[in-house]
Amino acid sequence: MEQTMTINDQLVELGTLVDNEETAVQRVGARLIDKYFSSYPASDLDMETTALVLYYMTDIQVRDYALGLLDTYSDRRIELALCHLINQAPTDSLYISAPASLLAQLYYEQGNTADAFLVLSNAQENYSLALLLNRVFKSGWDPKSFAKMREQLHPQVVKNIFGEEE
């Protein structure tokens, strides 16, 4: 009897990209994230693709690339795509931190502070973006200011990952 792998099994096999500095790996991850957001919900979305998206989001540059995509696709599409990742990611793991932080930021920019705090509580306490967002949310920083900062950061992230390629 053949045993099928769970998403947790796949993530254990993949590991994480914490401290990754290989831009070739980041390019693959950024392209996958862009494709994931642009095609969600796709009928061919499978567990392997979900595991790969969660895996690549453990790289800070890829996560920041995804942060810059929050304005690229419809809020609803991004929300559903991130909810899917959060629902599939093992709780209390690094894998849930990036999608939870991204969704929290999306909610905050929509003026939904209560849900932003709630979803951010899924991220690991020591996760850098979650720590930043927690301070931003508690200070009542204007959501438009953070969105503007994201927009300014995105071209630099793209340049770091792709160089002059894109």
N, C-alpha and C. Protein backbone atom coordinates (compact mmCIF):
# COMPACT_ATOMS: atom_id res chain seq x y z
N MET A 1 0.85 -1.18 0.00
CA MET A 1 0.00 0.00 0.00
C MET A 1 0.89 1.24 0.00
N GLU A 2 0.70 2.08 -1.01
CA GLU A 2 1.51 3.29 -1.14
C GLU A 2 0.96 4.37 -0.23
N GLN A 3 1.85 4.98 0.53
CA GLN A 3 1.45 6.03 1.44
C GLN A 3 1.72 7.38 0.77
N THR A 4 0.71 8.25 0.78
CA THR A 4 0.89 9.56 0.17
C THR A 4 1.50 10.52 1.18
N MET A 5 2.30 11.42 0.66
CA MET A 5 2.96 12.41 1.51
C MET A 5 1.99 13.53 1.87
N THR A 6 2.06 13.97 3.10
CA THR A 6 1.28 15.13 3.52
C THR A 6 2.08 16.38 3.20
N ILE A 7 1.44 17.52 3.33
CA ILE A 7 2.15 18.77 3.11
C ILE A 7 3.28 18.92 4.14
N ASN A 8 3.03 18.45 5.37
CA ASN A 8 4.08 18.51 6.39
C ASN A 8 5.28 17.67 5.98
N ASP A 9 5.02 16.49 5.43
CA ASP A 9 6.12 15.63 4.96
C ASP A 9 6.92 16.34 3.87
N GLN A 10 6.22 16.97 2.95
CA GLN A 10 6.90 17.67 1.86
C GLN A 10 7.74 18.82 2.39
N LEU A 11 7.21 19.56 3.36
CA LEU A 11 7.95 20.68 3.92
C LEU A 11 9.18 20.20 4.69
N VAL A 12 9.05 19.08 5.37
CA VAL A 12 10.21 18.51 6.07
C VAL A 12 11.30 18.17 5.06
N GLU A 13 10.91 17.58 3.95
CA GLU A 13 11.88 17.24 2.90
C GLU A 13 12.52 18.48 2.30
N LEU A 14 11.73 19.54 2.10
CA LEU A 14 12.24 20.76 1.49
C LEU A 14 13.14 21.55 2.44
N GLY A 15 12.78 21.60 3.71
CA GLY A 15 13.52 22.40 4.67
C GLY A 15 13.07 23.85 4.60
N THR A 16 14.00 24.78 4.82
CA THR A 16 13.68 26.21 4.73
C THR A 16 14.78 26.92 3.95
N LEU A 17 14.49 28.15 3.65
CA LEU A 17 15.48 28.99 2.96
C LEU A 17 15.96 30.13 3.86
N VAL A 18 15.87 29.93 5.16
CA VAL A 18 16.37 30.93 6.09
C VAL A 18 17.86 31.14 5.82
N ASP A 19 18.26 32.37 5.76
CA ASP A 19 19.65 32.76 5.49
C ASP A 19 20.12 32.45 4.06
N ASN A 20 19.19 32.16 3.16
CA ASN A 20 19.57 31.93 1.76
C ASN A 20 20.03 33.24 1.13
N GLU A 21 21.08 33.17 0.36
CA GLU A 21 21.55 34.35 -0.37
C GLU A 21 21.71 34.06 -1.86
N GLU A 22 21.26 32.90 -2.31
CA GLU A 22 21.37 32.51 -3.71
C GLU A 22 20.26 33.18 -4.52
N THR A 23 20.64 34.13 -5.36
CA THR A 23 19.62 34.83 -6.14
C THR A 23 18.94 33.92 -7.15
N ALA A 24 19.62 32.89 -7.62
CA ALA A 24 18.98 31.96 -8.56
C ALA A 24 17.79 31.27 -7.88
N VAL A 25 17.95 30.90 -6.63
CA VAL A 25 16.87 30.29 -5.86
C VAL A 25 15.76 31.31 -5.64
N GLN A 26 16.14 32.54 -5.31
CA GLN A 26 15.15 33.60 -5.08
C GLN A 26 14.36 33.91 -6.35
N ARG A 27 15.02 33.85 -7.50
CA ARG A 27 14.31 34.09 -8.77
C ARG A 27 13.23 33.04 -8.99
N VAL A 28 13.59 31.79 -8.76
CA VAL A 28 12.61 30.70 -8.91
C VAL A 28 11.44 30.94 -7.96
N GLY A 29 11.76 31.27 -6.72
CA GLY A 29 10.71 31.50 -5.72
C GLY A 29 9.83 32.68 -6.06
N ALA A 30 10.44 33.79 -6.48
CA ALA A 30 9.66 34.98 -6.82
C ALA A 30 8.73 34.70 -8.00
N ARG A 31 9.24 34.02 -9.00
CA ARG A 31 8.38 33.69 -10.16
C ARG A 31 7.23 32.76 -9.75
N LEU A 32 7.53 31.80 -8.88
CA LEU A 32 6.47 30.89 -8.41
C LEU A 32 5.41 31.66 -7.63
N ILE A 33 5.83 32.56 -6.76
CA ILE A 33 4.88 33.35 -5.97
C ILE A 33 4.01 34.21 -6.88
N ASP A 34 4.63 34.85 -7.86
CA ASP A 34 3.87 35.68 -8.81
C ASP A 34 2.85 34.82 -9.56
N LYS A 35 3.28 33.68 -10.03
CA LYS A 35 2.37 32.77 -10.74
C LYS A 35 1.25 32.29 -9.83
N TYR A 36 1.60 31.97 -8.59
CA TYR A 36 0.61 31.51 -7.62
C TYR A 36 -0.47 32.58 -7.41
N PHE A 37 -0.05 33.83 -7.14
CA PHE A 37 -1.02 34.89 -6.92
C PHE A 37 -1.83 35.20 -8.18
N SER A 38 -1.19 35.18 -9.34
CA SER A 38 -1.89 35.54 -10.57
C SER A 38 -2.90 34.49 -11.00
N SER A 39 -2.67 33.24 -10.62
CA SER A 39 -3.57 32.18 -11.09
C SER A 39 -4.50 31.65 -10.00
N TYR A 40 -4.41 32.19 -8.80
CA TYR A 40 -5.26 31.68 -7.72
C TYR A 40 -6.69 32.15 -7.94
N PRO A 41 -7.70 31.35 -7.73
CA PRO A 41 -7.66 29.93 -7.42
C PRO A 41 -7.61 29.11 -8.71
N ALA A 42 -6.60 28.36 -8.85
CA ALA A 42 -6.44 27.52 -10.04
C ALA A 42 -6.93 26.12 -9.73
N SER A 43 -7.56 25.53 -10.70
CA SER A 43 -8.08 24.18 -10.48
C SER A 43 -6.94 23.17 -10.32
N ASP A 44 -5.76 23.53 -10.83
CA ASP A 44 -4.64 22.59 -10.74
C ASP A 44 -3.73 22.86 -9.53
N LEU A 45 -4.20 23.68 -8.60
CA LEU A 45 -3.41 23.95 -7.40
C LEU A 45 -3.35 22.66 -6.59
N ASP A 46 -2.16 22.17 -6.41
CA ASP A 46 -2.00 20.93 -5.69
C ASP A 46 -1.16 21.14 -4.44
N MET A 47 -1.04 20.09 -3.66
CA MET A 47 -0.31 20.15 -2.42
C MET A 47 1.17 20.46 -2.65
N GLU A 48 1.73 19.94 -3.73
CA GLU A 48 3.14 20.18 -4.03
C GLU A 48 3.40 21.66 -4.29
N THR A 49 2.53 22.28 -5.08
CA THR A 49 2.68 23.72 -5.36
C THR A 49 2.54 24.52 -4.07
N THR A 50 1.56 24.18 -3.27
CA THR A 50 1.36 24.88 -2.00
C THR A 50 2.60 24.75 -1.12
N ALA A 51 3.14 23.54 -1.03
CA ALA A 51 4.35 23.32 -0.22
C ALA A 51 5.51 24.14 -0.76
N LEU A 52 5.66 24.20 -2.07
CA LEU A 52 6.75 24.99 -2.66
C LEU A 52 6.59 26.48 -2.37
N VAL A 53 5.37 26.99 -2.46
CA VAL A 53 5.14 28.41 -2.17
C VAL A 53 5.51 28.70 -0.71
N LEU A 54 5.06 27.84 0.20
CA LEU A 54 5.40 28.02 1.62
C LEU A 54 6.91 27.95 1.84
N TYR A 55 7.55 27.03 1.16
CA TYR A 55 9.00 26.86 1.26
C TYR A 55 9.74 28.11 0.78
N TYR A 56 9.40 28.60 -0.40
CA TYR A 56 10.09 29.77 -0.94
C TYR A 56 9.82 31.02 -0.12
N MET A 57 8.67 31.10 0.52
CA MET A 57 8.38 32.27 1.35
C MET A 57 9.20 32.30 2.63
N THR A 58 9.93 31.24 2.93
CA THR A 58 10.82 31.29 4.09
C THR A 58 12.07 32.10 3.78
N ASP A 59 12.29 32.43 2.52
CA ASP A 59 13.37 33.33 2.12
C ASP A 59 12.86 34.76 2.26
N ILE A 60 13.60 35.59 2.98
CA ILE A 60 13.13 36.96 3.26
C ILE A 60 12.97 37.78 1.99
N GLN A 61 13.88 37.64 1.03
CA GLN A 61 13.76 38.40 -0.22
C GLN A 61 12.50 37.98 -0.99
N VAL A 62 12.21 36.70 -1.02
CA VAL A 62 11.01 36.21 -1.72
C VAL A 62 9.76 36.70 -0.99
N ARG A 63 9.80 36.65 0.34
CA ARG A 63 8.66 37.16 1.12
C ARG A 63 8.45 38.64 0.84
N ASP A 64 9.55 39.42 0.81
CA ASP A 64 9.42 40.84 0.53
C ASP A 64 8.96 41.10 -0.90
N TYR A 65 9.34 40.22 -1.82
CA TYR A 65 8.84 40.31 -3.19
C TYR A 65 7.32 40.12 -3.16
N ALA A 66 6.85 39.13 -2.42
CA ALA A 66 5.41 38.88 -2.30
C ALA A 66 4.70 40.07 -1.65
N LEU A 67 5.34 40.70 -0.68
CA LEU A 67 4.78 41.88 -0.04
C LEU A 67 4.53 42.98 -1.07
N GLY A 68 5.43 43.11 -2.01
CA GLY A 68 5.28 44.11 -3.06
C GLY A 68 4.19 43.78 -4.07
N LEU A 69 3.74 42.54 -4.08
CA LEU A 69 2.69 42.13 -5.01
C LEU A 69 1.28 42.37 -4.47
N LEU A 70 1.17 42.83 -3.24
CA LEU A 70 -0.15 43.01 -2.64
C LEU A 70 -1.03 43.94 -3.45
N ASP A 71 -0.43 44.86 -4.19
CA ASP A 71 -1.20 45.80 -5.02
C ASP A 71 -1.37 45.32 -6.46
N THR A 72 -0.68 44.27 -6.83
CA THR A 72 -0.66 43.83 -8.22
C THR A 72 -1.94 43.11 -8.63
N TYR A 73 -2.47 42.33 -7.73
CA TYR A 73 -3.68 41.54 -8.02
C TYR A 73 -4.81 42.02 -7.12
N SER A 74 -6.02 41.59 -7.40
CA SER A 74 -7.15 42.05 -6.61
C SER A 74 -6.97 41.65 -5.14
N ASP A 75 -7.46 42.51 -4.26
CA ASP A 75 -7.37 42.23 -2.82
C ASP A 75 -7.99 40.88 -2.49
N ARG A 76 -9.12 40.60 -3.11
CA ARG A 76 -9.83 39.34 -2.81
C ARG A 76 -9.01 38.13 -3.24
N ARG A 77 -8.39 38.20 -4.41
CA ARG A 77 -7.57 37.08 -4.90
C ARG A 77 -6.39 36.85 -3.95
N ILE A 78 -5.71 37.93 -3.59
CA ILE A 78 -4.56 37.81 -2.68
C ILE A 78 -5.02 37.28 -1.32
N GLU A 79 -6.13 37.79 -0.84
CA GLU A 79 -6.66 37.34 0.46
C GLU A 79 -6.93 35.84 0.44
N LEU A 80 -7.62 35.37 -0.59
CA LEU A 80 -7.92 33.93 -0.69
C LEU A 80 -6.66 33.09 -0.82
N ALA A 81 -5.71 33.57 -1.62
CA ALA A 81 -4.46 32.83 -1.81
C ALA A 81 -3.68 32.73 -0.50
N LEU A 82 -3.62 33.82 0.25
CA LEU A 82 -2.91 33.81 1.53
C LEU A 82 -3.65 32.98 2.57
N CYS A 83 -4.97 33.05 2.58
CA CYS A 83 -5.76 32.21 3.49
C CYS A 83 -5.50 30.73 3.22
N HIS A 84 -5.42 30.37 1.95
CA HIS A 84 -5.13 28.98 1.59
C HIS A 84 -3.78 28.57 2.17
N LEU A 85 -2.77 29.42 2.02
CA LEU A 85 -1.44 29.09 2.55
C LEU A 85 -1.47 28.95 4.07
N ILE A 86 -2.16 29.86 4.73
CA ILE A 86 -2.25 29.80 6.19
C ILE A 86 -2.95 28.52 6.63
N ASN A 87 -4.00 28.16 5.93
CA ASN A 87 -4.74 26.94 6.28
C ASN A 87 -3.93 25.67 6.03
N GLN A 88 -3.00 25.73 5.10
CA GLN A 88 -2.21 24.54 4.77
C GLN A 88 -0.90 24.46 5.57
N ALA A 89 -0.40 25.59 6.02
CA ALA A 89 0.88 25.62 6.72
C ALA A 89 0.76 25.01 8.11
N PRO A 90 1.78 24.28 8.51
CA PRO A 90 1.78 23.76 9.89
C PRO A 90 1.79 24.94 10.87
N THR A 91 0.91 24.87 11.86
CA THR A 91 0.89 25.95 12.85
C THR A 91 2.16 25.88 13.68
N ASP A 92 2.48 26.96 14.32
CA ASP A 92 3.70 27.04 15.15
C ASP A 92 4.94 26.66 14.36
N SER A 93 4.99 27.09 13.11
CA SER A 93 6.16 26.81 12.28
C SER A 93 6.52 28.07 11.51
N LEU A 94 7.72 28.09 11.01
CA LEU A 94 8.16 29.21 10.20
C LEU A 94 7.29 29.37 8.95
N TYR A 95 6.75 28.27 8.45
CA TYR A 95 6.00 28.30 7.19
C TYR A 95 4.75 29.16 7.24
N ILE A 96 4.17 29.32 8.40
CA ILE A 96 2.93 30.10 8.51
C ILE A 96 3.22 31.60 8.67
N SER A 97 4.42 31.94 9.08
CA SER A 97 4.73 33.32 9.44
C SER A 97 4.63 34.30 8.26
N ALA A 98 5.18 33.96 7.12
CA ALA A 98 5.14 34.88 5.97
C ALA A 98 3.71 35.11 5.48
N PRO A 99 2.94 34.05 5.18
CA PRO A 99 1.58 34.33 4.70
C PRO A 99 0.72 35.03 5.75
N ALA A 100 0.91 34.72 7.02
CA ALA A 100 0.13 35.40 8.07
C ALA A 100 0.50 36.87 8.12
N SER A 101 1.78 37.18 8.02
CA SER A 101 2.21 38.58 8.05
C SER A 101 1.70 39.34 6.82
N LEU A 102 1.78 38.71 5.67
CA LEU A 102 1.30 39.36 4.44
C LEU A 102 -0.20 39.63 4.50
N LEU A 103 -0.96 38.65 4.97
CA LEU A 103 -2.40 38.84 5.05
C LEU A 103 -2.73 39.90 6.10
N ALA A 104 -2.01 39.90 7.20
CA ALA A 104 -2.22 40.93 8.22
C ALA A 104 -1.98 42.32 7.63
N GLN A 105 -0.93 42.45 6.84
CA GLN A 105 -0.64 43.74 6.21
C GLN A 105 -1.76 44.14 5.25
N LEU A 106 -2.25 43.18 4.48
CA LEU A 106 -3.35 43.46 3.55
C LEU A 106 -4.57 43.96 4.32
N TYR A 107 -4.92 43.27 5.39
CA TYR A 107 -6.07 43.68 6.20
C TYR A 107 -5.86 45.08 6.79
N TYR A 108 -4.65 45.33 7.27
CA TYR A 108 -4.35 46.64 7.87
C TYR A 108 -4.53 47.75 6.83
N GLU A 109 -4.03 47.51 5.64
CA GLU A 109 -4.16 48.52 4.59
C GLU A 109 -5.62 48.71 4.16
N GLN A 110 -6.45 47.71 4.39
CA GLN A 110 -7.88 47.84 4.10
C GLN A 110 -8.64 48.50 5.24
N GLY A 111 -7.93 48.82 6.33
CA GLY A 111 -8.58 49.44 7.49
C GLY A 111 -9.17 48.43 8.45
N ASN A 112 -8.85 47.18 8.30
CA ASN A 112 -9.39 46.11 9.13
C ASN A 112 -8.35 45.70 10.18
N THR A 113 -8.15 46.59 11.15
CA THR A 113 -7.11 46.38 12.16
C THR A 113 -7.38 45.15 13.03
N ALA A 114 -8.64 44.90 13.36
CA ALA A 114 -8.96 43.76 14.22
C ALA A 114 -8.52 42.45 13.57
N ASP A 115 -8.87 42.25 12.30
CA ASP A 115 -8.46 41.03 11.62
C ASP A 115 -6.96 41.01 11.36
N ALA A 116 -6.36 42.18 11.18
CA ALA A 116 -4.91 42.25 10.99
C ALA A 116 -4.20 41.70 12.23
N PHE A 117 -4.61 42.14 13.41
CA PHE A 117 -4.02 41.63 14.65
C PHE A 117 -4.29 40.14 14.82
N LEU A 118 -5.51 39.73 14.51
CA LEU A 118 -5.88 38.32 14.68
C LEU A 118 -5.03 37.40 13.80
N VAL A 119 -4.92 37.71 12.53
CA VAL A 119 -4.17 36.85 11.62
C VAL A 119 -2.66 36.92 11.92
N LEU A 120 -2.20 38.08 12.37
CA LEU A 120 -0.78 38.22 12.71
C LEU A 120 -0.41 37.34 13.91
N SER A 121 -1.38 37.03 14.74
CA SER A 121 -1.11 36.17 15.90
C SER A 121 -0.72 34.75 15.49
N ASN A 122 -0.93 34.39 14.23
CA ASN A 122 -0.51 33.08 13.73
C ASN A 122 0.99 33.00 13.47
N ALA A 123 1.62 34.14 13.24
CA ALA A 123 3.06 34.17 12.94
C ALA A 123 3.85 33.89 14.21
N GLN A 124 5.05 33.37 14.01
CA GLN A 124 5.92 33.14 15.16
C GLN A 124 6.25 34.47 15.82
N GLU A 125 6.34 34.47 17.13
CA GLU A 125 6.54 35.70 17.89
C GLU A 125 7.82 36.44 17.50
N ASN A 126 8.85 35.71 17.14
CA ASN A 126 10.14 36.34 16.84
C ASN A 126 10.36 36.57 15.34
N TYR A 127 9.32 36.41 14.54
CA TYR A 127 9.43 36.60 13.09
C TYR A 127 9.57 38.09 12.80
N SER A 128 10.60 38.49 12.08
CA SER A 128 10.95 39.90 11.91
C SER A 128 9.81 40.75 11.35
N LEU A 129 9.14 40.29 10.30
CA LEU A 129 8.07 41.09 9.73
C LEU A 129 6.89 41.18 10.69
N ALA A 130 6.60 40.12 11.40
CA ALA A 130 5.50 40.14 12.37
C ALA A 130 5.80 41.13 13.49
N LEU A 131 7.06 41.18 13.93
CA LEU A 131 7.45 42.14 14.97
C LEU A 131 7.26 43.57 14.48
N LEU A 132 7.70 43.83 13.26
CA LEU A 132 7.54 45.16 12.67
C LEU A 132 6.07 45.53 12.54
N LEU A 133 5.29 44.62 11.98
CA LEU A 133 3.86 44.91 11.77
C LEU A 133 3.14 45.12 13.09
N ASN A 134 3.49 44.35 14.09
CA ASN A 134 2.87 44.51 15.40
C ASN A 134 3.12 45.93 15.93
N ARG A 135 4.35 46.42 15.78
CA ARG A 135 4.66 47.79 16.22
C ARG A 135 3.89 48.81 15.37
N VAL A 136 3.84 48.58 14.07
CA VAL A 136 3.12 49.49 13.18
C VAL A 136 1.64 49.55 13.54
N PHE A 137 1.04 48.39 13.73
CA PHE A 137 -0.40 48.34 14.04
C PHE A 137 -0.69 49.01 15.38
N LYS A 138 0.13 48.71 16.39
CA LYS A 138 -0.10 49.27 17.73
C LYS A 138 0.11 50.77 17.76
N SER A 139 1.00 51.28 16.92
CA SER A 139 1.25 52.72 16.91
C SER A 139 0.17 53.49 16.16
N GLY A 140 -0.67 52.75 15.42
CA GLY A 140 -1.72 53.40 14.64
C GLY A 140 -1.19 54.12 13.42
N TRP A 141 -0.05 53.67 12.94
CA TRP A 141 0.56 54.27 11.76
C TRP A 141 -0.43 54.23 10.60
N ASP A 142 -0.49 55.28 9.85
CA ASP A 142 -1.41 55.38 8.72
C ASP A 142 -1.15 54.24 7.73
N PRO A 143 -2.15 53.42 7.45
CA PRO A 143 -1.96 52.29 6.52
C PRO A 143 -1.45 52.72 5.16
N LYS A 144 -1.83 53.92 4.72
CA LYS A 144 -1.36 54.39 3.41
C LYS A 144 0.15 54.65 3.43
N SER A 145 0.67 55.05 4.58
CA SER A 145 2.11 55.28 4.69
C SER A 145 2.89 53.98 4.54
N PHE A 146 2.37 52.93 5.16
CA PHE A 146 3.06 51.64 5.03
C PHE A 146 2.96 51.13 3.60
N ALA A 147 1.81 51.32 2.98
CA ALA A 147 1.64 50.90 1.59
C ALA A 147 2.63 51.64 0.69
N LYS A 148 2.82 52.93 0.96
CA LYS A 148 3.77 53.71 0.17
C LYS A 148 5.19 53.20 0.38
N MET A 149 5.53 52.86 1.61
CA MET A 149 6.85 52.32 1.90
C MET A 149 7.06 50.98 1.16
N ARG A 150 6.02 50.17 1.14
CA ARG A 150 6.08 48.89 0.41
C ARG A 150 6.34 49.13 -1.07
N GLU A 151 5.63 50.08 -1.63
CA GLU A 151 5.79 50.40 -3.05
C GLU A 151 7.20 50.88 -3.37
N GLN A 152 7.80 51.62 -2.45
CA GLN A 152 9.16 52.10 -2.65
C GLN A 152 10.19 50.98 -2.47
N LEU A 153 9.90 50.05 -1.60
CA LEU A 153 10.80 48.93 -1.34
C LEU A 153 10.80 47.91 -2.49
N HIS A 154 9.66 47.73 -3.12
CA HIS A 154 9.52 46.66 -4.12
C HIS A 154 10.54 46.74 -5.27
N PRO A 155 10.77 47.89 -5.88
CA PRO A 155 11.76 47.93 -6.97
C PRO A 155 13.16 47.50 -6.51
N GLN A 156 13.52 47.83 -5.28
CA GLN A 156 14.82 47.42 -4.75
C GLN A 156 14.88 45.91 -4.56
N VAL A 157 13.79 45.33 -4.08
CA VAL A 157 13.73 43.87 -3.90
C VAL A 157 13.83 43.19 -5.26
N VAL A 158 13.11 43.71 -6.25
CA VAL A 158 13.16 43.15 -7.60
C VAL A 158 14.59 43.22 -8.13
N LYS A 159 15.24 44.35 -7.92
CA LYS A 159 16.62 44.50 -8.40
C LYS A 159 17.55 43.52 -7.68
N ASN A 160 17.36 43.33 -6.38
CA ASN A 160 18.20 42.39 -5.62
C ASN A 160 18.04 40.96 -6.13
N ILE A 161 16.82 40.60 -6.50
CA ILE A 161 16.54 39.23 -6.93
C ILE A 161 16.91 39.03 -8.41
N PHE A 162 16.46 39.96 -9.24
CA PHE A 162 16.58 39.76 -10.68
C PHE A 162 17.72 40.56 -11.32
N GLY A 163 18.30 41.48 -10.59
CA GLY A 163 19.34 42.32 -11.18
C GLY A 163 18.74 43.16 -12.28
N GLU A 164 19.41 43.21 -13.40
CA GLU A 164 18.91 43.99 -14.53
C GLU A 164 18.00 43.16 -15.44
N GLU A 165 17.77 41.92 -15.02
CA GLU A 165 17.01 40.98 -15.85
C GLU A 165 15.57 41.45 -16.11
N GLU A 166 14.91 42.03 -15.10
CA GLU A 166 13.50 42.42 -15.27
C GLU A 166 13.31 43.89 -15.09
